[in-house]
Structures are given as C-alpha cells and as structure tokens.
Amino acid sequence: LATLGDRQITKLLDSKVSHLPEQLLAKEDGYIGVVGMAVVAYLEEATRAAQVNLLPGSEGGGFGQNDIGVPTFWAFNQHQTGSSAFDAVLAYLGVTASQALYVTGRTAPPALKAFLEAIRSMVPPVTDSRALGSEVEILANQIDKTVFGTSSTVNLEAL
C-alpha cells in the first residue's frame, strides 16, 4: 500500500503524466518535489518493518532449547514502526492531493471536503517553499490517533 501511495505522489508531481503544473508549483515558488524523496524513506521503513524474521538470534541461555524464540514481541514493535511509516505516506499523499487541487483551483468532491479542510488545517497549501516535515508529522500523528483511537469505527472526518 505504501508503494501505491508513493506511485500516486510521483505521478501527481510529474506533469507529463498528470497534466497538472510541473511539481505542483503554485507559482514561481512553492516547490514540493522533495515530497517524493521523503516518501521513499518512509516506504523503505515500512517495508523493513513488514519483513519477518522467524529465526531470531540465540536466546543465549544455552539450556538445550532447540526451538525458536517467540516472534510476537518483535511483531508488535514492527507493527508500530510499519504503521507509523505508512501513516506518513498517507499524510504526504493527502498533502500532495491537496496541493494538486490548490494549484488547479479545484474543489474537493463533497464527500472529501471535510477531509481536505482537515488536511489543510495542519498543512496549508504551499505557496512559498518551506520545509513540510514538521507539518506532515502532525498530520501523520493525527491519522495514527484516528486509526488506533478508542473508537471501534474509523472517522476520517475527525482529522
């Protein structure tokens, strides 16, 4: 899924594919092309976290045990790492889609209007180049809270 997010971002930024302004520039400034580079790092992090190692190193006890260690402890940590990285990919995808709508003067479909407003409340459209990392981190954390919150249903409008 993170790979699909990366591909969507890459294609939105490429004017030859998306037929949108190159790199979704709002004007002379407002470059967000580095988003793709950031997403690749999160994609790699999610990929590594999803890899399974069923033969962890020796337990070091030497008590004649010949089976393998229980992978559940590692799985929990890997789940946390992978889901956080995926949340960041989703956040960057949301920011890229928001920017695409902004530079073309389009509005979001009615069903996504509240979602877009939530994204823009944390990461406003880029009109002048700026570092997006801290803003996107806030959005990714909000996605995480929404997905792993106490509610049994996911409410994307809660963003």
N, C-alpha and C. Protein backbone atom coordinates (compact mmCIF):
# COMPACT_ATOMS: atom_id res chain seq x y z
N LEU A 1 0.82 -1.20 0.00
CA LEU A 1 0.00 0.00 0.00
C LEU A 1 0.86 1.26 0.00
N ALA A 2 1.96 1.21 0.74
CA ALA A 2 2.86 2.37 0.76
C ALA A 2 3.46 2.61 -0.62
N THR A 3 3.74 1.53 -1.34
CA THR A 3 4.26 1.67 -2.70
C THR A 3 3.24 2.35 -3.61
N LEU A 4 1.97 1.99 -3.46
CA LEU A 4 0.93 2.64 -4.25
C LEU A 4 0.83 4.13 -3.92
N GLY A 5 0.95 4.46 -2.64
CA GLY A 5 0.96 5.87 -2.25
C GLY A 5 2.11 6.62 -2.89
N ASP A 6 3.29 5.99 -2.87
CA ASP A 6 4.47 6.60 -3.49
C ASP A 6 4.26 6.82 -4.98
N ARG A 7 3.70 5.83 -5.65
CA ARG A 7 3.46 5.94 -7.09
C ARG A 7 2.47 7.06 -7.40
N GLN A 8 1.42 7.17 -6.61
CA GLN A 8 0.44 8.23 -6.82
C GLN A 8 1.08 9.60 -6.68
N ILE A 9 1.89 9.76 -5.64
CA ILE A 9 2.57 11.04 -5.41
C ILE A 9 3.49 11.36 -6.58
N THR A 10 4.29 10.38 -6.99
CA THR A 10 5.23 10.58 -8.08
C THR A 10 4.51 11.00 -9.36
N LYS A 11 3.41 10.36 -9.66
CA LYS A 11 2.68 10.67 -10.89
C LYS A 11 1.96 12.01 -10.80
N LEU A 12 1.46 12.38 -9.63
CA LEU A 12 0.84 13.70 -9.48
C LEU A 12 1.86 14.82 -9.69
N LEU A 13 3.09 14.59 -9.25
CA LEU A 13 4.14 15.61 -9.38
C LEU A 13 4.68 15.71 -10.80
N ASP A 14 4.50 14.67 -11.61
CA ASP A 14 5.03 14.63 -12.97
C ASP A 14 3.98 15.16 -13.95
N SER A 15 4.21 16.35 -14.47
CA SER A 15 3.21 16.99 -15.34
C SER A 15 2.94 16.20 -16.62
N LYS A 16 3.92 15.42 -17.08
CA LYS A 16 3.71 14.64 -18.31
C LYS A 16 2.67 13.54 -18.09
N VAL A 17 2.52 13.12 -16.86
CA VAL A 17 1.55 12.07 -16.54
C VAL A 17 0.23 12.68 -16.06
N SER A 18 0.32 13.63 -15.15
CA SER A 18 -0.88 14.17 -14.51
C SER A 18 -1.54 15.31 -15.28
N HIS A 19 -0.79 15.94 -16.18
CA HIS A 19 -1.25 17.14 -16.90
C HIS A 19 -1.59 18.28 -15.95
N LEU A 20 -0.95 18.26 -14.80
CA LEU A 20 -1.05 19.33 -13.81
C LEU A 20 0.23 20.16 -13.89
N PRO A 21 0.29 21.31 -13.25
CA PRO A 21 1.54 22.08 -13.26
C PRO A 21 2.72 21.24 -12.75
N GLU A 22 3.87 21.39 -13.40
CA GLU A 22 5.07 20.63 -13.04
C GLU A 22 5.38 20.79 -11.55
N GLN A 23 5.58 19.66 -10.88
CA GLN A 23 5.90 19.61 -9.45
C GLN A 23 4.85 20.32 -8.59
N LEU A 24 3.67 20.54 -9.16
CA LEU A 24 2.55 21.20 -8.47
C LEU A 24 2.93 22.56 -7.91
N LEU A 25 3.77 23.28 -8.67
CA LEU A 25 4.17 24.62 -8.24
C LEU A 25 2.96 25.55 -8.24
N ALA A 26 2.80 26.28 -7.14
CA ALA A 26 1.70 27.23 -7.03
C ALA A 26 1.98 28.48 -7.85
N LYS A 27 3.23 28.82 -7.99
CA LYS A 27 3.67 29.98 -8.79
C LYS A 27 5.15 29.78 -9.04
N GLU A 28 5.94 30.82 -9.05
CA GLU A 28 7.38 30.67 -9.24
C GLU A 28 8.02 29.87 -8.10
N ASP A 29 7.39 29.94 -6.94
CA ASP A 29 7.91 29.27 -5.76
C ASP A 29 6.87 28.24 -5.31
N GLY A 30 7.06 27.65 -4.17
CA GLY A 30 6.11 26.67 -3.66
C GLY A 30 6.43 25.26 -4.09
N TYR A 31 7.70 24.92 -4.15
CA TYR A 31 8.17 23.62 -4.61
C TYR A 31 7.89 22.55 -3.56
N ILE A 32 7.23 21.46 -3.96
CA ILE A 32 7.02 20.34 -3.04
C ILE A 32 7.61 19.05 -3.59
N GLY A 33 8.47 19.15 -4.59
CA GLY A 33 9.05 17.97 -5.22
C GLY A 33 9.83 17.07 -4.29
N VAL A 34 10.29 17.60 -3.16
CA VAL A 34 11.04 16.78 -2.21
C VAL A 34 10.12 15.80 -1.48
N VAL A 35 8.83 15.95 -1.64
CA VAL A 35 7.88 15.03 -1.01
C VAL A 35 8.19 13.60 -1.44
N GLY A 36 8.47 13.40 -2.72
CA GLY A 36 8.78 12.07 -3.22
C GLY A 36 9.97 11.45 -2.52
N MET A 37 10.98 12.26 -2.26
CA MET A 37 12.18 11.76 -1.58
C MET A 37 11.84 11.35 -0.15
N ALA A 38 11.03 12.14 0.53
CA ALA A 38 10.65 11.82 1.91
C ALA A 38 9.82 10.54 1.95
N VAL A 39 8.92 10.40 0.99
CA VAL A 39 8.04 9.24 0.98
C VAL A 39 8.83 7.96 0.75
N VAL A 40 9.86 8.00 -0.08
CA VAL A 40 10.68 6.81 -0.31
C VAL A 40 11.30 6.33 1.00
N ALA A 41 11.74 7.25 1.84
CA ALA A 41 12.32 6.86 3.13
C ALA A 41 11.28 6.15 3.99
N TYR A 42 10.06 6.69 4.04
CA TYR A 42 9.01 6.04 4.83
C TYR A 42 8.60 4.71 4.21
N LEU A 43 8.60 4.64 2.88
CA LEU A 43 8.29 3.39 2.19
C LEU A 43 9.29 2.31 2.57
N GLU A 44 10.56 2.65 2.56
CA GLU A 44 11.60 1.69 2.94
C GLU A 44 11.45 1.26 4.40
N GLU A 45 11.13 2.21 5.26
CA GLU A 45 10.94 1.90 6.68
C GLU A 45 9.77 0.93 6.87
N ALA A 46 8.67 1.18 6.18
CA ALA A 46 7.51 0.30 6.27
C ALA A 46 7.83 -1.09 5.72
N THR A 47 8.59 -1.13 4.63
CA THR A 47 8.97 -2.41 4.02
C THR A 47 9.83 -3.23 4.97
N ARG A 48 10.82 -2.59 5.58
CA ARG A 48 11.68 -3.30 6.53
C ARG A 48 10.88 -3.81 7.72
N ALA A 49 9.95 -3.02 8.20
CA ALA A 49 9.15 -3.42 9.35
C ALA A 49 8.24 -4.60 9.02
N ALA A 50 7.84 -4.72 7.75
CA ALA A 50 6.94 -5.80 7.35
C ALA A 50 7.67 -7.12 7.12
N GLN A 51 8.98 -7.09 7.08
CA GLN A 51 9.74 -8.32 6.86
C GLN A 51 9.75 -9.15 8.13
N VAL A 52 9.65 -10.45 7.96
CA VAL A 52 9.57 -11.36 9.09
C VAL A 52 10.89 -12.09 9.28
N ASN A 53 11.32 -12.18 10.52
CA ASN A 53 12.48 -12.98 10.86
C ASN A 53 12.02 -14.02 11.86
N LEU A 54 11.77 -15.23 11.37
CA LEU A 54 11.28 -16.28 12.25
C LEU A 54 12.39 -17.02 12.97
N LEU A 55 13.62 -16.69 12.66
CA LEU A 55 14.74 -17.33 13.34
C LEU A 55 15.58 -16.27 14.04
N PRO A 56 15.06 -15.72 15.12
CA PRO A 56 15.84 -14.72 15.84
C PRO A 56 17.09 -15.34 16.43
N GLY A 57 18.02 -14.51 16.79
CA GLY A 57 19.28 -14.99 17.35
C GLY A 57 19.08 -15.84 18.59
N SER A 58 20.15 -16.48 19.01
CA SER A 58 20.13 -17.35 20.18
C SER A 58 19.60 -16.60 21.39
N GLU A 59 18.88 -17.33 22.21
CA GLU A 59 18.40 -16.74 23.45
C GLU A 59 19.53 -16.62 24.46
N GLY A 60 20.66 -17.19 24.14
CA GLY A 60 21.85 -17.01 24.96
C GLY A 60 21.88 -17.83 26.24
N GLY A 61 20.82 -18.57 26.51
CA GLY A 61 20.78 -19.31 27.76
C GLY A 61 21.54 -20.62 27.71
N GLY A 62 21.59 -21.24 26.55
CA GLY A 62 22.30 -22.50 26.41
C GLY A 62 21.69 -23.61 27.24
N PHE A 63 20.39 -23.63 27.40
CA PHE A 63 19.74 -24.63 28.24
C PHE A 63 19.20 -25.79 27.43
N GLY A 64 19.76 -26.02 26.28
CA GLY A 64 19.34 -27.15 25.47
C GLY A 64 18.07 -26.91 24.68
N GLN A 65 17.61 -25.68 24.63
CA GLN A 65 16.40 -25.39 23.88
C GLN A 65 16.74 -25.38 22.40
N ASN A 66 15.97 -26.10 21.59
CA ASN A 66 16.28 -26.19 20.17
C ASN A 66 15.18 -25.63 19.28
N ASP A 67 14.23 -24.93 19.84
CA ASP A 67 13.21 -24.31 19.01
C ASP A 67 13.56 -22.83 18.81
N ILE A 68 12.64 -22.07 18.29
CA ILE A 68 12.93 -20.65 18.03
C ILE A 68 12.23 -19.77 19.06
N GLY A 69 12.70 -18.55 19.15
CA GLY A 69 12.08 -17.60 20.06
C GLY A 69 10.70 -17.19 19.57
N VAL A 70 9.89 -16.70 20.47
CA VAL A 70 8.55 -16.25 20.14
C VAL A 70 8.64 -14.92 19.40
N PRO A 71 8.09 -14.83 18.17
CA PRO A 71 8.23 -13.60 17.39
C PRO A 71 7.23 -12.50 17.75
N THR A 72 6.33 -12.75 18.69
CA THR A 72 5.29 -11.76 18.96
C THR A 72 5.83 -10.45 19.50
N PHE A 73 6.89 -10.49 20.27
CA PHE A 73 7.45 -9.25 20.80
C PHE A 73 7.99 -8.37 19.68
N TRP A 74 8.70 -8.99 18.73
CA TRP A 74 9.21 -8.23 17.60
C TRP A 74 8.08 -7.77 16.70
N ALA A 75 7.06 -8.62 16.54
CA ALA A 75 5.94 -8.29 15.67
C ALA A 75 5.23 -7.02 16.15
N PHE A 76 5.08 -6.89 17.46
CA PHE A 76 4.41 -5.70 17.99
C PHE A 76 5.20 -4.45 17.63
N ASN A 77 6.52 -4.48 17.85
CA ASN A 77 7.35 -3.32 17.53
C ASN A 77 7.36 -3.05 16.03
N GLN A 78 7.43 -4.11 15.23
CA GLN A 78 7.43 -3.93 13.79
C GLN A 78 6.09 -3.35 13.32
N HIS A 79 5.02 -3.78 13.95
CA HIS A 79 3.70 -3.23 13.60
C HIS A 79 3.66 -1.73 13.88
N GLN A 80 4.18 -1.31 15.01
CA GLN A 80 4.20 0.11 15.36
C GLN A 80 5.03 0.89 14.35
N THR A 81 6.22 0.39 14.04
CA THR A 81 7.11 1.07 13.09
C THR A 81 6.49 1.13 11.70
N GLY A 82 5.98 0.01 11.23
CA GLY A 82 5.38 -0.04 9.90
C GLY A 82 4.16 0.84 9.78
N SER A 83 3.31 0.83 10.79
CA SER A 83 2.09 1.64 10.70
C SER A 83 2.41 3.12 10.79
N SER A 84 3.40 3.50 11.57
CA SER A 84 3.80 4.92 11.63
C SER A 84 4.35 5.38 10.29
N ALA A 85 5.15 4.54 9.66
CA ALA A 85 5.70 4.89 8.35
C ALA A 85 4.58 4.98 7.31
N PHE A 86 3.62 4.07 7.37
CA PHE A 86 2.50 4.11 6.43
C PHE A 86 1.64 5.35 6.66
N ASP A 87 1.44 5.72 7.93
CA ASP A 87 0.70 6.95 8.23
C ASP A 87 1.38 8.16 7.59
N ALA A 88 2.72 8.18 7.61
CA ALA A 88 3.45 9.29 7.00
C ALA A 88 3.25 9.30 5.48
N VAL A 89 3.25 8.12 4.86
CA VAL A 89 3.00 8.05 3.41
C VAL A 89 1.60 8.58 3.11
N LEU A 90 0.61 8.17 3.90
CA LEU A 90 -0.76 8.67 3.70
C LEU A 90 -0.83 10.18 3.89
N ALA A 91 -0.11 10.69 4.88
CA ALA A 91 -0.11 12.14 5.12
C ALA A 91 0.48 12.87 3.92
N TYR A 92 1.61 12.39 3.41
CA TYR A 92 2.21 13.02 2.23
C TYR A 92 1.31 12.91 1.00
N LEU A 93 0.61 11.80 0.86
CA LEU A 93 -0.33 11.66 -0.25
C LEU A 93 -1.46 12.68 -0.12
N GLY A 94 -1.96 12.85 1.09
CA GLY A 94 -3.00 13.85 1.32
C GLY A 94 -2.54 15.26 1.01
N VAL A 95 -1.31 15.57 1.42
CA VAL A 95 -0.74 16.90 1.15
C VAL A 95 -0.56 17.11 -0.35
N THR A 96 -0.10 16.09 -1.04
CA THR A 96 0.10 16.19 -2.49
C THR A 96 -1.23 16.38 -3.21
N ALA A 97 -2.24 15.63 -2.82
CA ALA A 97 -3.57 15.78 -3.43
C ALA A 97 -4.14 17.17 -3.13
N SER A 98 -3.94 17.64 -1.91
CA SER A 98 -4.40 18.98 -1.54
C SER A 98 -3.73 20.03 -2.42
N GLN A 99 -2.43 19.88 -2.63
CA GLN A 99 -1.69 20.83 -3.46
C GLN A 99 -2.17 20.77 -4.91
N ALA A 100 -2.46 19.57 -5.40
CA ALA A 100 -2.96 19.43 -6.78
C ALA A 100 -4.29 20.17 -6.94
N LEU A 101 -5.17 20.05 -5.97
CA LEU A 101 -6.44 20.79 -6.04
C LEU A 101 -6.20 22.29 -5.95
N TYR A 102 -5.27 22.69 -5.10
CA TYR A 102 -4.99 24.11 -4.91
C TYR A 102 -4.46 24.77 -6.19
N VAL A 103 -3.44 24.14 -6.81
CA VAL A 103 -2.81 24.78 -7.97
C VAL A 103 -3.72 24.81 -9.19
N THR A 104 -4.72 23.95 -9.22
CA THR A 104 -5.65 23.94 -10.35
C THR A 104 -6.95 24.70 -10.03
N GLY A 105 -7.07 25.20 -8.82
CA GLY A 105 -8.26 25.95 -8.44
C GLY A 105 -9.50 25.09 -8.31
N ARG A 106 -9.32 23.81 -8.11
CA ARG A 106 -10.45 22.89 -8.00
C ARG A 106 -10.85 22.70 -6.54
N THR A 107 -12.08 22.30 -6.34
CA THR A 107 -12.55 21.97 -5.00
C THR A 107 -12.63 20.45 -4.87
N ALA A 108 -12.64 20.02 -3.65
CA ALA A 108 -12.77 18.58 -3.39
C ALA A 108 -14.21 18.15 -3.62
N PRO A 109 -14.42 16.90 -3.98
CA PRO A 109 -15.79 16.40 -4.07
C PRO A 109 -16.47 16.53 -2.70
N PRO A 110 -17.78 16.66 -2.67
CA PRO A 110 -18.47 16.87 -1.40
C PRO A 110 -18.10 15.86 -0.31
N ALA A 111 -17.95 14.61 -0.67
CA ALA A 111 -17.64 13.59 0.34
C ALA A 111 -16.25 13.76 0.94
N LEU A 112 -15.36 14.48 0.26
CA LEU A 112 -13.99 14.66 0.75
C LEU A 112 -13.70 16.07 1.23
N LYS A 113 -14.69 16.93 1.18
CA LYS A 113 -14.48 18.34 1.53
C LYS A 113 -13.97 18.50 2.97
N ALA A 114 -14.60 17.84 3.93
CA ALA A 114 -14.18 17.95 5.34
C ALA A 114 -12.78 17.36 5.53
N PHE A 115 -12.50 16.29 4.81
CA PHE A 115 -11.18 15.66 4.89
C PHE A 115 -10.10 16.61 4.38
N LEU A 116 -10.37 17.26 3.25
CA LEU A 116 -9.42 18.23 2.69
C LEU A 116 -9.22 19.40 3.64
N GLU A 117 -10.30 19.90 4.22
CA GLU A 117 -10.18 21.00 5.18
C GLU A 117 -9.33 20.60 6.38
N ALA A 118 -9.49 19.36 6.84
CA ALA A 118 -8.68 18.87 7.96
C ALA A 118 -7.20 18.82 7.59
N ILE A 119 -6.91 18.32 6.39
CA ILE A 119 -5.52 18.28 5.93
C ILE A 119 -4.94 19.69 5.87
N ARG A 120 -5.69 20.61 5.27
CA ARG A 120 -5.20 21.98 5.11
C ARG A 120 -5.11 22.74 6.44
N SER A 121 -5.84 22.31 7.46
CA SER A 121 -5.70 22.96 8.76
C SER A 121 -4.36 22.64 9.39
N MET A 122 -3.77 21.51 9.00
CA MET A 122 -2.46 21.11 9.53
C MET A 122 -1.33 21.42 8.56
N VAL A 123 -1.61 21.30 7.27
CA VAL A 123 -0.61 21.57 6.23
C VAL A 123 -1.27 22.43 5.15
N PRO A 124 -1.20 23.75 5.29
CA PRO A 124 -1.80 24.62 4.28
C PRO A 124 -1.13 24.44 2.92
N PRO A 125 -1.84 24.78 1.83
CA PRO A 125 -1.22 24.70 0.51
C PRO A 125 0.11 25.46 0.47
N VAL A 126 1.03 24.94 -0.31
CA VAL A 126 2.38 25.53 -0.40
C VAL A 126 2.37 26.61 -1.47
N THR A 127 2.49 27.86 -1.03
CA THR A 127 2.58 28.99 -1.96
C THR A 127 4.00 29.52 -2.04
N ASP A 128 4.76 29.35 -0.99
CA ASP A 128 6.18 29.67 -0.94
C ASP A 128 6.89 28.45 -0.38
N SER A 129 8.04 28.11 -0.94
CA SER A 129 8.76 26.93 -0.49
C SER A 129 9.00 26.98 1.01
N ARG A 130 8.77 25.84 1.66
CA ARG A 130 9.02 25.72 3.09
C ARG A 130 9.23 24.25 3.41
N ALA A 131 9.85 24.00 4.53
CA ALA A 131 10.03 22.62 4.99
C ALA A 131 8.67 22.10 5.46
N LEU A 132 8.27 20.97 4.96
CA LEU A 132 6.96 20.42 5.29
C LEU A 132 7.01 19.35 6.38
N GLY A 133 8.20 18.90 6.71
CA GLY A 133 8.33 17.75 7.61
C GLY A 133 7.56 17.85 8.91
N SER A 134 7.69 18.97 9.62
CA SER A 134 7.03 19.07 10.93
C SER A 134 5.51 19.15 10.77
N GLU A 135 5.03 19.80 9.72
CA GLU A 135 3.59 19.88 9.49
C GLU A 135 3.02 18.51 9.11
N VAL A 136 3.73 17.80 8.25
CA VAL A 136 3.27 16.48 7.83
C VAL A 136 3.32 15.51 9.01
N GLU A 137 4.28 15.68 9.88
CA GLU A 137 4.36 14.82 11.07
C GLU A 137 3.12 14.99 11.95
N ILE A 138 2.64 16.22 12.09
CA ILE A 138 1.41 16.47 12.85
C ILE A 138 0.24 15.74 12.19
N LEU A 139 0.14 15.84 10.87
CA LEU A 139 -0.93 15.17 10.14
C LEU A 139 -0.82 13.65 10.29
N ALA A 140 0.38 13.11 10.15
CA ALA A 140 0.58 11.66 10.29
C ALA A 140 0.19 11.20 11.69
N ASN A 141 0.55 11.97 12.70
CA ASN A 141 0.17 11.61 14.08
C ASN A 141 -1.34 11.63 14.26
N GLN A 142 -2.00 12.58 13.62
CA GLN A 142 -3.46 12.64 13.71
C GLN A 142 -4.09 11.44 13.01
N ILE A 143 -3.53 11.04 11.88
CA ILE A 143 -4.03 9.83 11.20
C ILE A 143 -3.87 8.63 12.12
N ASP A 144 -2.72 8.52 12.77
CA ASP A 144 -2.46 7.42 13.70
C ASP A 144 -3.49 7.42 14.83
N LYS A 145 -3.75 8.58 15.41
CA LYS A 145 -4.72 8.66 16.51
C LYS A 145 -6.11 8.28 16.04
N THR A 146 -6.45 8.67 14.82
CA THR A 146 -7.77 8.35 14.29
C THR A 146 -7.91 6.85 14.06
N VAL A 147 -6.88 6.23 13.51
CA VAL A 147 -6.94 4.81 13.20
C VAL A 147 -6.86 3.96 14.46
N PHE A 148 -5.96 4.31 15.37
CA PHE A 148 -5.75 3.49 16.56
C PHE A 148 -6.40 4.07 17.81
N GLY A 149 -7.37 4.95 17.63
CA GLY A 149 -8.05 5.55 18.76
C GLY A 149 -8.94 4.55 19.48
N THR A 150 -9.66 5.02 20.45
CA THR A 150 -10.50 4.15 21.26
C THR A 150 -11.81 3.78 20.57
N SER A 151 -12.18 4.52 19.53
CA SER A 151 -13.42 4.23 18.83
C SER A 151 -13.28 2.95 18.01
N SER A 152 -14.36 2.21 17.91
CA SER A 152 -14.31 0.98 17.11
C SER A 152 -14.51 1.26 15.62
N THR A 153 -14.87 2.49 15.28
CA THR A 153 -15.01 2.86 13.87
C THR A 153 -14.03 3.97 13.54
N VAL A 154 -13.57 3.97 12.31
CA VAL A 154 -12.62 4.99 11.86
C VAL A 154 -13.41 6.15 11.27
N ASN A 155 -13.18 7.34 11.80
CA ASN A 155 -13.88 8.53 11.34
C ASN A 155 -12.87 9.47 10.71
N LEU A 156 -12.74 9.41 9.39
CA LEU A 156 -11.74 10.24 8.72
C LEU A 156 -12.04 11.72 8.84
N GLU A 157 -13.31 12.08 9.01
CA GLU A 157 -13.62 13.49 9.20
C GLU A 157 -13.06 14.01 10.52
N ALA A 158 -12.70 13.10 11.43
CA ALA A 158 -12.15 13.52 12.72
C ALA A 158 -10.78 14.15 12.57
N LEU A 159 -10.17 13.99 11.42
CA LEU A 159 -8.87 14.62 11.20
C LEU A 159 -9.03 16.10 11.33
